[in-house]
Protein backbone atom coordinates (compact mmCIF):
# COMPACT_ATOMS: atom_id res chain seq x y z
CA MET A 1 -21.68 -0.20 -9.59
CA THR A 2 -18.43 1.21 -8.08
CA THR A 3 -19.92 1.73 -4.90
CA ILE A 4 -21.15 -1.91 -4.67
CA LEU A 5 -17.74 -2.95 -5.58
CA ALA A 6 -16.04 -0.98 -2.69
CA ILE A 7 -18.56 -2.20 -0.22
CA LEU A 8 -17.82 -5.78 -1.10
CA ILE A 9 -14.14 -5.00 -0.71
CA MET A 10 -14.37 -3.41 2.57
CA PRO A 11 -14.72 -6.46 4.61
CA MET A 12 -11.46 -7.70 3.13
CA ILE A 13 -9.79 -4.62 4.88
CA PHE A 14 -11.17 -5.67 8.10
CA ALA A 15 -10.08 -9.34 7.42
CA VAL A 16 -6.49 -8.13 6.72
CA VAL A 17 -6.32 -6.12 9.86
CA ILE A 18 -7.34 -9.14 11.96
CA SER A 19 -4.78 -11.25 10.29
CA TYR A 20 -1.91 -8.78 11.27
CA SER A 21 -1.87 -10.61 14.61
CA GLN A 22 0.23 -13.25 12.93
CA LEU A 23 2.73 -10.55 11.98
CA SER A 24 2.89 -9.43 15.52
CA ILE A 25 4.15 -12.92 16.56
CA LEU A 26 6.54 -12.96 13.52
CA ILE A 27 8.14 -9.61 14.72
CA LYS A 28 8.14 -10.76 18.35
CA TYR A 29 10.51 -13.87 17.44
CA ASN A 30 12.79 -11.58 15.03
CA LEU A 31 13.38 -8.66 17.43
CA LYS A 32 16.81 -7.70 15.95
CA THR A 33 15.78 -7.65 12.45
CA SER A 34 12.62 -5.80 13.42
CA LEU A 35 14.32 -3.28 15.54
CA PHE A 36 16.18 -2.04 12.43
CA PHE A 37 13.26 -2.17 10.28
CA PHE A 38 10.97 0.07 12.76
CA SER A 39 13.86 2.29 13.35
CA GLY A 40 13.88 3.35 9.80
CA PHE A 41 10.20 3.53 9.89
CA VAL A 42 10.21 5.83 13.06
CA ALA A 43 13.13 7.78 11.53
CA TYR A 44 11.26 8.92 8.45
CA PHE A 45 8.12 9.63 10.52
CA LEU A 46 10.28 12.23 12.45
CA ILE A 47 11.71 13.66 9.22
CA HIS A 48 8.56 13.98 7.60
CA PHE A 49 7.19 16.65 10.15
CA ASN A 50 10.50 18.71 9.92
CA LYS A 51 9.64 21.88 8.02
CA SER A 52 13.47 22.31 6.74
CA THR A 53 13.11 19.02 4.71
CA SER A 54 9.42 19.38 3.67
CA ARG A 55 10.56 20.86 0.19
CA PHE A 56 13.04 17.99 -0.72
CA ILE A 57 10.42 15.30 0.47
CA ASN A 58 7.71 16.91 -1.63
CA TYR A 59 10.12 16.77 -4.51
CA ILE A 60 11.02 13.11 -4.23
CA TYR A 61 7.59 12.06 -3.48
CA VAL A 62 6.20 13.79 -6.62
CA PHE A 63 8.99 12.25 -8.66
CA SER A 64 8.14 8.69 -7.63
CA HIS A 65 4.36 9.61 -7.83
CA GLU A 66 4.60 10.71 -11.32
CA ILE A 67 7.15 7.97 -12.42
CA THR A 68 5.11 5.20 -11.10
CA HIS A 69 2.11 6.66 -13.21
CA THR A 70 4.35 6.55 -16.34
CA ILE A 71 5.68 3.01 -15.62
CA PHE A 72 2.32 1.45 -15.15
CA ALA A 73 0.88 3.51 -18.27
CA ILE A 74 3.48 1.90 -20.50
CA PHE A 75 2.81 -1.50 -19.22
CA SER A 76 -0.79 -0.88 -19.86
CA GLY A 77 0.07 -0.14 -23.71
CA ASN A 78 -0.46 3.63 -23.22
CA ARG A 79 2.09 6.47 -24.56
CA VAL A 80 3.30 8.99 -22.53
CA LYS A 81 3.09 12.87 -24.00
CA LYS A 82 4.67 14.87 -21.35
CA ILE A 83 5.80 14.75 -17.75
CA LYS A 84 6.11 17.60 -15.21
CA ILE A 85 7.74 17.28 -11.79
CA SER A 86 8.30 19.88 -9.31
CA SER A 87 8.42 20.26 -5.41
CA ARG A 88 4.84 21.20 -5.45
CA ASN A 89 3.01 19.28 -7.79
CA GLY A 90 3.47 17.21 -10.93
CA TYR A 91 1.35 15.53 -13.82
CA VAL A 92 1.74 12.91 -16.65
CA SER A 93 -0.19 13.42 -19.75
CA PHE A 94 -0.91 10.47 -21.96
CA GLU A 95 -2.21 9.85 -25.50
CA GLY A 96 -4.79 7.25 -24.58
CA LYS A 97 -7.43 7.09 -21.54
CA THR A 98 -6.02 6.49 -18.20
CA ASN A 99 -7.23 3.24 -16.62
CA ILE A 100 -7.71 2.39 -13.00
CA VAL A 101 -4.45 0.71 -12.47
CA THR A 102 -2.53 3.67 -13.91
CA ALA A 103 -4.50 6.15 -12.01
CA ILE A 104 -4.06 4.80 -8.53
CA SER A 105 -0.69 2.83 -9.08
CA PRO A 106 1.33 5.81 -7.02
CA TYR A 107 -0.93 5.05 -3.90
CA ILE A 108 -0.27 1.52 -3.78
CA PHE A 109 3.19 0.89 -5.50
CA PRO A 110 5.93 1.31 -2.87
CA PHE A 111 8.39 2.97 -5.45
CA TYR A 112 11.58 3.48 -3.39
CA ASN A 113 11.34 0.23 -1.49
CA ILE A 114 11.55 -1.64 -4.94
CA ILE A 115 14.28 0.63 -6.03
CA THR A 116 16.12 -0.13 -2.65
CA ALA A 117 15.74 -3.81 -3.09
CA ILE A 118 17.19 -3.73 -6.68
CA ILE A 119 20.35 -1.60 -5.33
CA TYR A 120 20.73 -4.16 -2.54
CA LEU A 121 20.46 -7.16 -5.01
CA ILE A 122 22.92 -5.74 -7.14
CA ALA A 123 25.36 -4.68 -4.28
CA ARG A 124 25.27 -8.13 -2.70
CA LYS A 125 26.98 -9.28 -6.20
CA TYR A 126 29.85 -6.77 -5.97
CA TYR A 127 30.33 -6.08 -2.41
CA SER A 128 31.44 -8.80 0.20
CA GLY A 129 30.35 -7.17 3.45
CA ASP A 130 27.07 -7.51 5.28
CA ILE A 131 24.86 -4.60 4.47
CA SER A 132 21.63 -6.28 5.35
CA ASN A 133 20.96 -4.25 8.41
CA ILE A 134 21.30 -1.05 6.24
CA PHE A 135 18.96 -2.55 3.68
CA ILE A 136 16.48 -3.38 6.32
CA LEU A 137 16.60 0.15 7.94
CA ALA A 138 16.09 1.55 4.47
CA GLN A 139 13.04 -0.64 3.78
CA GLY A 140 11.45 0.68 7.00
CA PHE A 141 12.43 4.19 6.14
CA PHE A 142 10.90 4.18 2.64
CA LEU A 143 7.84 2.13 3.83
CA SER A 144 7.02 4.82 6.17
CA PHE A 145 7.78 7.39 3.42
CA HIS A 146 5.21 5.60 1.13
CA ILE A 147 2.45 5.27 3.68
CA ILE A 148 2.61 8.81 5.16
CA ASN A 149 2.87 10.52 1.76
CA THR A 150 -0.07 8.34 0.64
CA ILE A 151 -2.16 9.33 3.39
CA ASP A 152 -1.38 13.00 2.89
CA ALA A 153 -2.33 12.49 -0.99
CA ILE A 154 -5.52 10.77 -0.47
CA SER A 155 -6.61 13.76 1.76
CA LEU A 156 -6.24 15.80 -1.20
CA ASN A 157 -9.01 16.34 -4.00
CA GLN A 158 -6.74 14.16 -6.45
CA LYS A 159 -7.71 13.99 -10.12
CA ASP A 160 -6.39 10.36 -9.97
CA PHE A 161 -9.42 9.13 -7.93
CA LYS A 162 -11.92 10.31 -10.65
CA GLU A 163 -9.92 8.22 -13.31
CA GLY A 164 -9.74 5.23 -10.61
CA GLY A 165 -13.57 4.80 -10.32
CA GLY A 166 -14.24 7.64 -7.98
CA ARG A 167 -12.93 8.57 -4.49
CA PHE A 168 -14.60 6.08 -2.58
CA LEU A 169 -13.59 2.96 -4.52
CA SER A 170 -10.19 4.33 -5.20
CA THR A 171 -9.54 5.08 -1.36
CA VAL A 172 -10.85 1.30 -0.40
CA ILE A 173 -8.55 -0.26 -3.01
CA ILE A 174 -5.46 1.64 -2.00
CA ILE A 175 -6.19 0.85 1.90
CA LEU A 176 -6.52 -2.76 1.01
CA PHE A 177 -3.44 -3.16 -1.16
CA ASN A 178 -1.46 -1.03 1.06
CA LEU A 179 -2.12 -3.36 4.11
CA ILE A 180 -1.29 -6.32 2.04
CA PHE A 181 1.89 -5.02 0.46
CA THR A 182 2.91 -3.88 3.99
CA ALA A 183 2.35 -7.30 5.39
CA ILE A 184 4.54 -8.82 2.30
CA ILE A 185 7.30 -6.40 2.94
CA ILE A 186 7.43 -7.03 6.84
CA ASN A 187 7.26 -10.85 6.16
CA VAL A 188 10.18 -10.79 3.43
CA ILE A 189 12.43 -8.43 5.57
CA VAL A 190 11.71 -9.94 9.09
CA SER A 191 11.54 -13.64 8.47
CA LYS A 192 12.00 -14.58 4.80
CA ASN A 193 9.69 -17.56 5.42
CA ASN A 194 7.14 -17.84 2.69
CA GLU A 195 4.93 -20.22 4.58
CA ILE A 196 4.12 -17.53 7.02
CA ILE A 197 2.81 -14.87 4.11
CA TYR A 198 1.13 -17.96 2.61
CA SER A 199 -0.56 -18.47 6.12
CA PHE A 200 -1.37 -14.84 6.26
CA ILE A 201 -3.19 -14.66 2.77
CA LYS A 202 -5.22 -17.78 3.73
CA SER A 203 -6.12 -16.17 6.90
CA CYS A 204 -7.30 -13.03 5.09
CA LEU A 205 -9.58 -14.98 2.99
CA ASN A 206 -10.89 -17.12 5.79
CA TYR A 207 -11.82 -14.04 7.85
CA TYR A 208 -13.40 -12.50 4.70
CA VAL A 209 -15.72 -15.33 4.30
CA MET A 210 -16.55 -15.24 7.82
CA ILE A 211 -17.47 -11.71 7.92
CA ILE A 212 -19.49 -12.00 4.70
CA LYS A 213 -21.34 -14.82 6.21
CA ASN A 214 -21.97 -13.00 9.35
CA ILE A 215 -23.08 -9.98 7.46
CA PHE A 216 -25.72 -11.97 5.39
CA TYR A 217 -26.84 -13.90 8.46
CA ARG A 218 -27.66 -10.57 10.28
CA ILE A 219 -29.38 -9.13 7.16
CA ALA A 220 -31.56 -12.47 7.00
CA ILE A 221 -32.43 -12.05 10.77
CA LEU A 222 -33.27 -8.33 10.22
CA PHE A 223 -35.55 -9.23 7.22
CA ALA A 224 -37.18 -11.94 9.23
CA LYS A 225 -38.13 -9.37 11.97
CA ILE A 226 -39.37 -6.83 9.59
CA LYS A 227 -41.44 -9.64 8.05
CA ASN A 228 -42.85 -10.70 11.40
CA ILE A 229 -43.84 -7.21 12.15
CA MET A 230 -45.60 -6.72 8.76
CA LEU A 231 -47.66 -9.85 9.22
């Protein structure tokens, strides 16, 4: 069942990727903002592969990973028994059974992007200066942090995937939602025009329907050819 669900979700990934062409136009017409955002993105990419910072990076990633598990478990009505966080690994144990949302939430939820946004909104109330470019830079930095560390984590044999319906389904869901959340973050940071993200979502759905129709059309042709051969 989980394999069938994953196969049905996969065309949506292709639909989202195709729809990213709309975001490239958005970036083109907001070059200054985009420059700050992608400078932050590239900055973390370079830091990530620096061995002198790897221990600290591992710790702050493990921290965000386990705290995200905890947050989503609490929202799901589960109770936390124990949390362990170190620079190498960590875990959270719960009283109840872990559901798929709690299991894969750290791979989808950009923890530090949300924290940065909250800090920025609070700072705007008490600080009159313009700190928007710093915020945009930080958003790019932490989005890169989230994506790269998620890719690293997926490559490992994570227990989370067993609790999330299996590695195949979990990976497909993680890729899909990361693509969607990345698009939303880029739209909010670069443009702040809600119409564009609505158009993006509509485009994703239209492409998904088109891909599904095309798949079933090709399957129908294949079966027709097989039927003719057998007659």
